[in-house]
Amino acid sequence: ADPPAPGAQPGPDGAGRSVTVAAVQGNVPDRG
């Protein structure tokens, strides 16, 4: 199903809960 709108309340079993995650790609100074 489509993800719930931000701030939407989850169901009684936690279904429909949404969270915000961040993935950090810092990079490297040299290749190889």
ModelCIF file with pLDDT and N, C-alpha, C, O atoms, coordinates in Angstrom:
data_MODEL
#
_entry.id   MODEL 
#
_entity.id                         1 
_entity.type                       polymer 
_entity.pdbx_number_of_molecules   1 
#
_entity_poly.entity_id                      1 
_entity_poly.type                           'polypeptide(L)' 
_entity_poly.nstd_linkage                   no 
_entity_poly.nstd_monomer                   no 
_entity_poly.pdbx_seq_one_letter_code       ADPPAPGAQPGPDGAGRSVTVAAVQGNVPDRG 
_entity_poly.pdbx_seq_one_letter_code_can   ADPPAPGAQPGPDGAGRSVTVAAVQGNVPDRG 
_entity_poly.pdbx_strand_id                 A 
#
loop_
_entity_poly_seq.entity_id 
_entity_poly_seq.num 
_entity_poly_seq.mon_id 
_entity_poly_seq.hetero 
1 1  ALA n 
1 2  ASP n 
1 3  PRO n 
1 4  PRO n 
1 5  ALA n 
1 6  PRO n 
1 7  GLY n 
1 8  ALA n 
1 9  GLN n 
1 10 PRO n 
1 11 GLY n 
1 12 PRO n 
1 13 ASP n 
1 14 GLY n 
1 15 ALA n 
1 16 GLY n 
1 17 ARG n 
1 18 SER n 
1 19 VAL n 
1 20 THR n 
1 21 VAL n 
1 22 ALA n 
1 23 ALA n 
1 24 VAL n 
1 25 GLN n 
1 26 GLY n 
1 27 ASN n 
1 28 VAL n 
1 29 PRO n 
1 30 ASP n 
1 31 ARG n 
1 32 GLY n 
#
_struct_asym.id          A 
_struct_asym.entity_id   1 
#
loop_
_ma_qa_metric.id 
_ma_qa_metric.mode 
_ma_qa_metric.name 
_ma_qa_metric.software_group_id 
_ma_qa_metric.type 
1 global pLDDT . pLDDT 
2 local  pLDDT . pLDDT 
#
_ma_qa_metric_global.metric_id      1 
_ma_qa_metric_global.metric_value   73.50 
_ma_qa_metric_global.model_id       1 
_ma_qa_metric_global.ordinal_id     1 
#
loop_
_ma_qa_metric_local.label_asym_id 
_ma_qa_metric_local.label_comp_id 
_ma_qa_metric_local.label_seq_id 
_ma_qa_metric_local.metric_id 
_ma_qa_metric_local.metric_value 
_ma_qa_metric_local.model_id 
_ma_qa_metric_local.ordinal_id 
A ALA 1  2 74.00 1 1  
A ASP 2  2 67.00 1 2  
A PRO 3  2 62.00 1 3  
A PRO 4  2 59.00 1 4  
A ALA 5  2 58.00 1 5  
A PRO 6  2 55.00 1 6  
A GLY 7  2 56.00 1 7  
A ALA 8  2 59.00 1 8  
A GLN 9  2 62.00 1 9  
A PRO 10 2 59.00 1 10 
A GLY 11 2 55.00 1 11 
A PRO 12 2 49.00 1 12 
A ASP 13 2 45.00 1 13 
A GLY 14 2 50.00 1 14 
A ALA 15 2 56.00 1 15 
A GLY 16 2 67.00 1 16 
A ARG 17 2 90.00 1 17 
A SER 18 2 96.00 1 18 
A VAL 19 2 97.00 1 19 
A THR 20 2 98.00 1 20 
A VAL 21 2 98.00 1 21 
A ALA 22 2 98.00 1 22 
A ALA 23 2 98.00 1 23 
A VAL 24 2 98.00 1 24 
A GLN 25 2 98.00 1 25 
A GLY 26 2 97.00 1 26 
A ASN 27 2 96.00 1 27 
A VAL 28 2 93.00 1 28 
A PRO 29 2 86.00 1 29 
A ASP 30 2 65.00 1 30 
A ARG 31 2 58.00 1 31 
A GLY 32 2 53.00 1 32 
#
loop_
_atom_site.group_PDB 
_atom_site.id 
_atom_site.type_symbol 
_atom_site.label_atom_id 
_atom_site.label_alt_id 
_atom_site.label_comp_id 
_atom_site.label_asym_id 
_atom_site.label_entity_id 
_atom_site.label_seq_id 
_atom_site.pdbx_PDB_ins_code 
_atom_site.Cartn_x 
_atom_site.Cartn_y 
_atom_site.Cartn_z 
_atom_site.occupancy 
_atom_site.B_iso_or_equiv 
_atom_site.pdbx_formal_charge 
_atom_site.auth_seq_id 
_atom_site.auth_comp_id 
_atom_site.auth_asym_id 
_atom_site.auth_atom_id 
_atom_site.pdbx_PDB_model_num 
ATOM 1   N N  . ALA A 1 1  ? 0.838  -1.187 0.000  1.00 74.00 ? 1  ALA A N  1 
ATOM 2   C CA . ALA A 1 1  ? 0.000  0.000  0.000  1.00 74.00 ? 1  ALA A CA 1 
ATOM 3   C C  . ALA A 1 1  ? 0.877  1.242  0.000  1.00 74.00 ? 1  ALA A C  1 
ATOM 4   O O  . ALA A 1 1  ? 2.030  1.204  0.429  1.00 74.00 ? 1  ALA A O  1 
ATOM 5   N N  . ASP A 1 2  ? 0.314  2.340  -0.486 1.00 67.00 ? 2  ASP A N  1 
ATOM 6   C CA . ASP A 1 2  ? 1.055  3.593  -0.479 1.00 67.00 ? 2  ASP A CA 1 
ATOM 7   C C  . ASP A 1 2  ? 1.446  3.965  0.942  1.00 67.00 ? 2  ASP A C  1 
ATOM 8   O O  . ASP A 1 2  ? 0.675  3.734  1.874  1.00 67.00 ? 2  ASP A O  1 
ATOM 9   N N  . PRO A 1 3  ? 2.647  4.545  1.123  1.00 62.00 ? 3  PRO A N  1 
ATOM 10  C CA . PRO A 1 3  ? 3.072  4.906  2.480  1.00 62.00 ? 3  PRO A CA 1 
ATOM 11  C C  . PRO A 1 3  ? 2.146  5.947  3.084  1.00 62.00 ? 3  PRO A C  1 
ATOM 12  O O  . PRO A 1 3  ? 1.584  6.772  2.364  1.00 62.00 ? 3  PRO A O  1 
ATOM 13  N N  . PRO A 1 4  ? 1.982  5.915  4.405  1.00 59.00 ? 4  PRO A N  1 
ATOM 14  C CA . PRO A 1 4  ? 1.105  6.887  5.055  1.00 59.00 ? 4  PRO A CA 1 
ATOM 15  C C  . PRO A 1 4  ? 1.668  8.287  4.957  1.00 59.00 ? 4  PRO A C  1 
ATOM 16  O O  . PRO A 1 4  ? 2.877  8.478  4.832  1.00 59.00 ? 4  PRO A O  1 
ATOM 17  N N  . ALA A 1 5  ? 0.786  9.257  5.015  1.00 58.00 ? 5  ALA A N  1 
ATOM 18  C CA . ALA A 1 5  ? 1.224  10.646 4.999  1.00 58.00 ? 5  ALA A CA 1 
ATOM 19  C C  . ALA A 1 5  ? 1.987  10.961 6.276  1.00 58.00 ? 5  ALA A C  1 
ATOM 20  O O  . ALA A 1 5  ? 1.686  10.395 7.326  1.00 58.00 ? 5  ALA A O  1 
ATOM 21  N N  . PRO A 1 6  ? 2.969  11.854 6.208  1.00 55.00 ? 6  PRO A N  1 
ATOM 22  C CA . PRO A 1 6  ? 3.708  12.231 7.413  1.00 55.00 ? 6  PRO A CA 1 
ATOM 23  C C  . PRO A 1 6  ? 2.744  12.691 8.507  1.00 55.00 ? 6  PRO A C  1 
ATOM 24  O O  . PRO A 1 6  ? 1.840  13.489 8.258  1.00 55.00 ? 6  PRO A O  1 
ATOM 25  N N  . GLY A 1 7  ? 2.951  12.179 9.714  1.00 56.00 ? 7  GLY A N  1 
ATOM 26  C CA . GLY A 1 7  ? 2.112  12.548 10.841 1.00 56.00 ? 7  GLY A CA 1 
ATOM 27  C C  . GLY A 1 7  ? 0.885  11.683 11.010 1.00 56.00 ? 7  GLY A C  1 
ATOM 28  O O  . GLY A 1 7  ? 0.157  11.835 11.991 1.00 56.00 ? 7  GLY A O  1 
ATOM 29  N N  . ALA A 1 8  ? 0.633  10.767 10.067 1.00 59.00 ? 8  ALA A N  1 
ATOM 30  C CA . ALA A 1 8  ? -0.525 9.891  10.183 1.00 59.00 ? 8  ALA A CA 1 
ATOM 31  C C  . ALA A 1 8  ? -0.348 8.937  11.358 1.00 59.00 ? 8  ALA A C  1 
ATOM 32  O O  . ALA A 1 8  ? 0.766  8.498  11.641 1.00 59.00 ? 8  ALA A O  1 
ATOM 33  N N  . GLN A 1 9  ? -1.433 8.618  12.036 1.00 62.00 ? 9  GLN A N  1 
ATOM 34  C CA . GLN A 1 9  ? -1.378 7.753  13.196 1.00 62.00 ? 9  GLN A CA 1 
ATOM 35  C C  . GLN A 1 9  ? -1.364 6.285  12.759 1.00 62.00 ? 9  GLN A C  1 
ATOM 36  O O  . GLN A 1 9  ? -2.143 5.893  11.890 1.00 62.00 ? 9  GLN A O  1 
ATOM 37  N N  . PRO A 1 10 ? -0.487 5.473  13.354 1.00 59.00 ? 10 PRO A N  1 
ATOM 38  C CA . PRO A 1 10 ? -0.467 4.053  13.016 1.00 59.00 ? 10 PRO A CA 1 
ATOM 39  C C  . PRO A 1 10 ? -1.675 3.336  13.585 1.00 59.00 ? 10 PRO A C  1 
ATOM 40  O O  . PRO A 1 10 ? -2.359 3.841  14.476 1.00 59.00 ? 10 PRO A O  1 
ATOM 41  N N  . GLY A 1 11 ? -1.925 2.138  13.047 1.00 55.00 ? 11 GLY A N  1 
ATOM 42  C CA . GLY A 1 11 ? -3.004 1.321  13.548 1.00 55.00 ? 11 GLY A CA 1 
ATOM 43  C C  . GLY A 1 11 ? -2.669 0.754  14.910 1.00 55.00 ? 11 GLY A C  1 
ATOM 44  O O  . GLY A 1 11 ? -1.562 0.952  15.410 1.00 55.00 ? 11 GLY A O  1 
ATOM 45  N N  . PRO A 1 12 ? -3.620 0.045  15.522 1.00 49.00 ? 12 PRO A N  1 
ATOM 46  C CA . PRO A 1 12 ? -3.398 -0.485 16.866 1.00 49.00 ? 12 PRO A CA 1 
ATOM 47  C C  . PRO A 1 12 ? -2.265 -1.490 16.953 1.00 49.00 ? 12 PRO A C  1 
ATOM 48  O O  . PRO A 1 12 ? -1.672 -1.656 18.019 1.00 49.00 ? 12 PRO A O  1 
ATOM 49  N N  . ASP A 1 13 ? -1.950 -2.172 15.846 1.00 45.00 ? 13 ASP A N  1 
ATOM 50  C CA . ASP A 1 13 ? -0.851 -3.138 15.851 1.00 45.00 ? 13 ASP A CA 1 
ATOM 51  C C  . ASP A 1 13 ? 0.437  -2.552 15.304 1.00 45.00 ? 13 ASP A C  1 
ATOM 52  O O  . ASP A 1 13 ? 1.400  -3.278 15.060 1.00 45.00 ? 13 ASP A O  1 
ATOM 53  N N  . GLY A 1 14 ? 0.459  -1.228 15.110 1.00 50.00 ? 14 GLY A N  1 
ATOM 54  C CA . GLY A 1 14 ? 1.653  -0.587 14.582 1.00 50.00 ? 14 GLY A CA 1 
ATOM 55  C C  . GLY A 1 14 ? 1.674  -0.520 13.082 1.00 50.00 ? 14 GLY A C  1 
ATOM 56  O O  . GLY A 1 14 ? 2.591  0.062  12.503 1.00 50.00 ? 14 GLY A O  1 
ATOM 57  N N  . ALA A 1 15 ? 0.668  -1.111 12.424 1.00 56.00 ? 15 ALA A N  1 
ATOM 58  C CA . ALA A 1 15 ? 0.633  -1.084 10.968 1.00 56.00 ? 15 ALA A CA 1 
ATOM 59  C C  . ALA A 1 15 ? 0.443  0.346  10.480 1.00 56.00 ? 15 ALA A C  1 
ATOM 60  O O  . ALA A 1 15 ? -0.292 1.131  11.080 1.00 56.00 ? 15 ALA A O  1 
ATOM 61  N N  . GLY A 1 16 ? 1.110  0.665  9.395  1.00 67.00 ? 16 GLY A N  1 
ATOM 62  C CA . GLY A 1 16 ? 0.977  1.997  8.821  1.00 67.00 ? 16 GLY A CA 1 
ATOM 63  C C  . GLY A 1 16 ? 1.888  3.032  9.435  1.00 67.00 ? 16 GLY A C  1 
ATOM 64  O O  . GLY A 1 16 ? 1.765  4.216  9.122  1.00 67.00 ? 16 GLY A O  1 
ATOM 65  N N  . ARG A 1 17 ? 2.792  2.626  10.294 1.00 90.00 ? 17 ARG A N  1 
ATOM 66  C CA . ARG A 1 17 ? 3.707  3.574  10.900 1.00 90.00 ? 17 ARG A CA 1 
ATOM 67  C C  . ARG A 1 17 ? 4.770  3.989  9.904  1.00 90.00 ? 17 ARG A C  1 
ATOM 68  O O  . ARG A 1 17 ? 5.276  3.153  9.155  1.00 90.00 ? 17 ARG A O  1 
ATOM 69  N N  . SER A 1 18 ? 5.112  5.246  9.883  1.00 96.00 ? 18 SER A N  1 
ATOM 70  C CA . SER A 1 18 ? 6.178  5.729  9.012  1.00 96.00 ? 18 SER A CA 1 
ATOM 71  C C  . SER A 1 18 ? 7.245  6.413  9.853  1.00 96.00 ? 18 SER A C  1 
ATOM 72  O O  . SER A 1 18 ? 6.954  6.959  10.917 1.00 96.00 ? 18 SER A O  1 
ATOM 73  N N  . VAL A 1 19 ? 8.477  6.380  9.370  1.00 97.00 ? 19 VAL A N  1 
ATOM 74  C CA . VAL A 1 19 ? 9.613  6.981  10.064 1.00 97.00 ? 19 VAL A CA 1 
ATOM 75  C C  . VAL A 1 19 ? 10.474 7.706  9.032  1.00 97.00 ? 19 VAL A C  1 
ATOM 76  O O  . VAL A 1 19 ? 10.393 7.437  7.833  1.00 97.00 ? 19 VAL A O  1 
ATOM 77  N N  . THR A 1 20 ? 11.281 8.608  9.513  1.00 98.00 ? 20 THR A N  1 
ATOM 78  C CA . THR A 1 20 ? 12.228 9.305  8.645  1.00 98.00 ? 20 THR A CA 1 
ATOM 79  C C  . THR A 1 20 ? 13.629 8.765  8.914  1.00 98.00 ? 20 THR A C  1 
ATOM 80  O O  . THR A 1 20 ? 14.073 8.690  10.059 1.00 98.00 ? 20 THR A O  1 
ATOM 81  N N  . VAL A 1 21 ? 14.303 8.398  7.851  1.00 98.00 ? 21 VAL A N  1 
ATOM 82  C CA . VAL A 1 21 ? 15.664 7.871  7.958  1.00 98.00 ? 21 VAL A CA 1 
ATOM 83  C C  . VAL A 1 21 ? 16.597 8.725  7.107  1.00 98.00 ? 21 VAL A C  1 
ATOM 84  O O  . VAL A 1 21 ? 16.176 9.358  6.139  1.00 98.00 ? 21 VAL A O  1 
ATOM 85  N N  . ALA A 1 22 ? 17.863 8.727  7.488  1.00 98.00 ? 22 ALA A N  1 
ATOM 86  C CA . ALA A 1 22 ? 18.884 9.463  6.736  1.00 98.00 ? 22 ALA A CA 1 
ATOM 87  C C  . ALA A 1 22 ? 20.047 8.536  6.444  1.00 98.00 ? 22 ALA A C  1 
ATOM 88  O O  . ALA A 1 22 ? 20.525 7.834  7.335  1.00 98.00 ? 22 ALA A O  1 
ATOM 89  N N  . ALA A 1 23 ? 20.502 8.529  5.211  1.00 98.00 ? 23 ALA A N  1 
ATOM 90  C CA . ALA A 1 23 ? 21.669 7.748  4.793  1.00 98.00 ? 23 ALA A CA 1 
ATOM 91  C C  . ALA A 1 23 ? 22.788 8.719  4.433  1.00 98.00 ? 23 ALA A C  1 
ATOM 92  O O  . ALA A 1 23 ? 22.626 9.565  3.555  1.00 98.00 ? 23 ALA A O  1 
ATOM 93  N N  . VAL A 1 24 ? 23.916 8.592  5.111  1.00 98.00 ? 24 VAL A N  1 
ATOM 94  C CA . VAL A 1 24 ? 25.038 9.517  4.934  1.00 98.00 ? 24 VAL A CA 1 
ATOM 95  C C  . VAL A 1 24 ? 26.124 8.853  4.104  1.00 98.00 ? 24 VAL A C  1 
ATOM 96  O O  . VAL A 1 24 ? 26.701 7.846  4.513  1.00 98.00 ? 24 VAL A O  1 
ATOM 97  N N  . GLN A 1 25 ? 26.398 9.415  2.949  1.00 98.00 ? 25 GLN A N  1 
ATOM 98  C CA . GLN A 1 25 ? 27.480 8.958  2.071  1.00 98.00 ? 25 GLN A CA 1 
ATOM 99  C C  . GLN A 1 25 ? 28.597 9.990  2.155  1.00 98.00 ? 25 GLN A C  1 
ATOM 100 O O  . GLN A 1 25 ? 28.557 11.018 1.478  1.00 98.00 ? 25 GLN A O  1 
ATOM 101 N N  . GLY A 1 26 ? 29.588 9.710  2.985  1.00 97.00 ? 26 GLY A N  1 
ATOM 102 C CA . GLY A 1 26 ? 30.622 10.711 3.262  1.00 97.00 ? 26 GLY A CA 1 
ATOM 103 C C  . GLY A 1 26 ? 31.679 10.844 2.205  1.00 97.00 ? 26 GLY A C  1 
ATOM 104 O O  . GLY A 1 26 ? 32.356 11.870 2.134  1.00 97.00 ? 26 GLY A O  1 
ATOM 105 N N  . ASN A 1 27 ? 31.841 9.825  1.375  1.00 96.00 ? 27 ASN A N  1 
ATOM 106 C CA . ASN A 1 27 ? 32.852 9.760  0.319  1.00 96.00 ? 27 ASN A CA 1 
ATOM 107 C C  . ASN A 1 27 ? 34.224 9.419  0.914  1.00 96.00 ? 27 ASN A C  1 
ATOM 108 O O  . ASN A 1 27 ? 34.416 9.447  2.130  1.00 96.00 ? 27 ASN A O  1 
ATOM 109 N N  . VAL A 1 28 ? 35.154 9.102  0.042  1.00 93.00 ? 28 VAL A N  1 
ATOM 110 C CA . VAL A 1 28 ? 36.512 8.721  0.444  1.00 93.00 ? 28 VAL A CA 1 
ATOM 111 C C  . VAL A 1 28 ? 37.515 9.635  -0.256 1.00 93.00 ? 28 VAL A C  1 
ATOM 112 O O  . VAL A 1 28 ? 37.227 10.156 -1.333 1.00 93.00 ? 28 VAL A O  1 
ATOM 113 N N  . PRO A 1 29 ? 38.682 9.834  0.339  1.00 86.00 ? 29 PRO A N  1 
ATOM 114 C CA . PRO A 1 29 ? 39.650 10.743 -0.276 1.00 86.00 ? 29 PRO A CA 1 
ATOM 115 C C  . PRO A 1 29 ? 40.353 10.172 -1.487 1.00 86.00 ? 29 PRO A C  1 
ATOM 116 O O  . PRO A 1 29 ? 40.814 10.921 -2.349 1.00 86.00 ? 29 PRO A O  1 
ATOM 117 N N  . ASP A 1 30 ? 40.442 8.832  -1.566 1.00 65.00 ? 30 ASP A N  1 
ATOM 118 C CA . ASP A 1 30 ? 41.151 8.196  -2.673 1.00 65.00 ? 30 ASP A CA 1 
ATOM 119 C C  . ASP A 1 30 ? 40.356 7.009  -3.161 1.00 65.00 ? 30 ASP A C  1 
ATOM 120 O O  . ASP A 1 30 ? 39.672 6.346  -2.381 1.00 65.00 ? 30 ASP A O  1 
ATOM 121 N N  . ARG A 1 31 ? 40.445 6.735  -4.465 1.00 58.00 ? 31 ARG A N  1 
ATOM 122 C CA . ARG A 1 31 ? 39.817 5.562  -5.027 1.00 58.00 ? 31 ARG A CA 1 
ATOM 123 C C  . ARG A 1 31 ? 40.792 4.398  -4.964 1.00 58.00 ? 31 ARG A C  1 
ATOM 124 O O  . ARG A 1 31 ? 42.010 4.571  -4.912 1.00 58.00 ? 31 ARG A O  1 
ATOM 125 N N  . GLY A 1 32 ? 40.209 3.209  -4.969 1.00 53.00 ? 32 GLY A N  1 
ATOM 126 C CA . GLY A 1 32 ? 41.053 2.031  -5.040 1.00 53.00 ? 32 GLY A CA 1 
ATOM 127 C C  . GLY A 1 32 ? 41.340 1.434  -3.684 1.00 53.00 ? 32 GLY A C  1 
ATOM 128 O O  . GLY A 1 32 ? 42.045 0.429  -3.588 1.00 53.00 ? 32 GLY A O  1 
#
